[in-house]
Each structure stands twice: as C-alpha cells, then as structure tokens.
C-alpha cells in the first residue's frame, strides 16, 4: 500500500482523536484541576455549598474532613469531596 493511501485512511481517525481531545478530555482535566485547587484551598470561615445543596460555614479544617456549621449549634462533619463549591 502506498504511503498516500495510508495517510488518506488514517486522516479521519486522526481528526476524531483530535476532536475528542479538544472537546472532551482537555476541558475535563482543566475542570478537575480547578476543583482540586478549590478543595485544597478551603479554610476556616469559608462559606460553602455541599454537593447535596446544604449551605454552611467551615468551622474546622482537618486533613480530609471539614466541620461545617449549617445552623446555630448544628455542625456536621464532612469529607472534603462533599463540598460542591466555595461561595464568595
């Protein structure tokens, strides 16, 4: 098979791989990096929203566990991964 035919056959596969990388894989890795930085940057006093939709304020930060105050005298212990976003 001549080289020209091989390039003609391989070109559509290369296009599909490039589109997959640019539209799916790269943006997802960027979002994962942002989320990891957000979770590592949580500190006492931050207002957070859990993945379940509960709003609260971080009272204590341990290694992988956070104590979040969700109401007066109501505190819950949460895994860091349970935080959906940091507000403000």
Protein backbone atom coordinates (compact mmCIF):
# COMPACT_ATOMS: atom_id res chain seq x y z
CA UNK A 1 0.00 0.00 0.00
CA UNK A 2 1.45 3.41 -0.94
CA UNK A 3 2.05 5.99 1.76
CA UNK A 4 -0.51 8.32 0.21
CA UNK A 5 -3.30 5.75 0.68
CA UNK A 6 -2.26 5.10 4.28
CA UNK A 7 -2.46 8.82 5.07
CA UNK A 8 -5.85 9.02 3.39
CA UNK A 9 -7.15 6.13 5.50
CA UNK A 10 -5.60 7.39 8.76
CA UNK A 11 -6.69 11.03 8.38
CA UNK A 12 -10.32 10.56 9.59
CA UNK A 13 -9.13 8.66 12.68
CA UNK A 14 -6.66 11.43 13.49
CA UNK A 15 -9.42 14.02 13.15
CA UNK A 16 -11.69 12.04 15.52
CA UNK A 17 -8.88 11.71 18.06
CA UNK A 18 -8.10 15.46 17.85
CA UNK A 19 -11.76 16.41 18.30
CA UNK A 20 -12.12 14.01 21.23
CA UNK A 21 -9.06 15.55 22.89
CA UNK A 22 -10.10 19.16 22.32
CA UNK A 23 -13.80 18.81 23.19
CA UNK A 24 -13.83 16.19 25.94
CA UNK A 25 -10.55 15.19 27.53
CA UNK A 26 -8.75 18.56 27.84
CA UNK A 27 -11.69 20.56 29.28
CA UNK A 28 -12.45 17.78 31.75
CA UNK A 29 -8.85 17.72 33.00
CA UNK A 30 -8.91 21.52 33.40
CA UNK A 31 -12.12 21.30 35.48
CA UNK A 32 -10.63 18.52 37.63
CA UNK A 33 -7.57 20.69 38.29
CA UNK A 34 -9.74 23.69 39.29
CA UNK A 35 -11.84 21.52 41.63
CA UNK A 36 -8.75 20.03 43.26
CA UNK A 37 -7.31 23.52 43.86
CA UNK A 38 -10.66 24.71 45.26
CA UNK A 39 -10.89 21.78 47.68
CA UNK A 40 -7.28 22.18 48.83
CA UNK A 41 -7.79 25.92 49.40
CA UNK A 42 -10.74 25.61 51.79
CA UNK A 43 -10.04 27.32 55.11
CA UNK A 44 -11.84 28.16 58.33
CA UNK A 45 -14.56 30.75 57.82
CA UNK A 46 -15.25 29.93 54.15
CA UNK A 47 -18.89 29.73 53.17
CA UNK A 48 -19.51 26.51 51.26
CA UNK A 49 -22.29 24.66 49.48
CA UNK A 50 -22.23 20.88 49.68
CA UNK A 51 -22.96 18.62 46.73
CA UNK A 52 -26.30 17.97 48.42
CA UNK A 53 -27.16 21.68 48.40
CA UNK A 54 -26.63 22.46 52.09
CA UNK A 55 -25.17 25.92 52.78
CA UNK A 56 -22.80 26.34 55.70
CA UNK A 57 -19.62 27.84 57.11
CA UNK A 58 -16.40 25.92 57.69
CA UNK A 59 -15.61 25.82 61.42
CA UNK A 60 -12.66 23.43 61.50
CA UNK A 61 -10.38 22.01 58.82
CA UNK A 62 -8.68 18.68 59.33
CA UNK A 63 -6.72 16.72 56.72
CA UNK A 64 -9.61 15.26 54.69
CA UNK A 65 -12.51 16.20 56.97
CA UNK A 66 -14.26 19.51 57.48
CA UNK A 67 -16.60 20.56 60.28
CA UNK A 68 -19.32 22.73 58.72
CA UNK A 69 -21.82 24.81 60.72
CA UNK A 70 -25.19 24.68 58.96
CA UNK A 71 -27.26 26.39 61.69
CA UNK A 72 -26.85 27.72 65.23
CA UNK A 73 -25.32 24.94 67.32
CA UNK A 74 -25.61 22.49 64.41
CA UNK A 75 -22.33 21.28 62.98
CA UNK A 76 -21.71 18.38 60.63
CA UNK A 77 -18.53 16.52 59.86
CA UNK A 78 -17.98 16.20 56.11
CA UNK A 79 -15.46 14.75 53.75
CA UNK A 80 -13.71 17.37 51.59
CA UNK A 81 -15.09 15.72 48.47
CA UNK A 82 -18.61 16.52 49.70
CA UNK A 83 -18.08 20.23 49.08
CA UNK A 84 -19.61 21.39 45.82
CA UNK A 85 -18.42 24.99 45.80
CA UNK A 86 -16.98 27.77 47.89
CA UNK A 87 -19.13 30.92 47.96
CA UNK A 88 -17.57 34.35 47.95
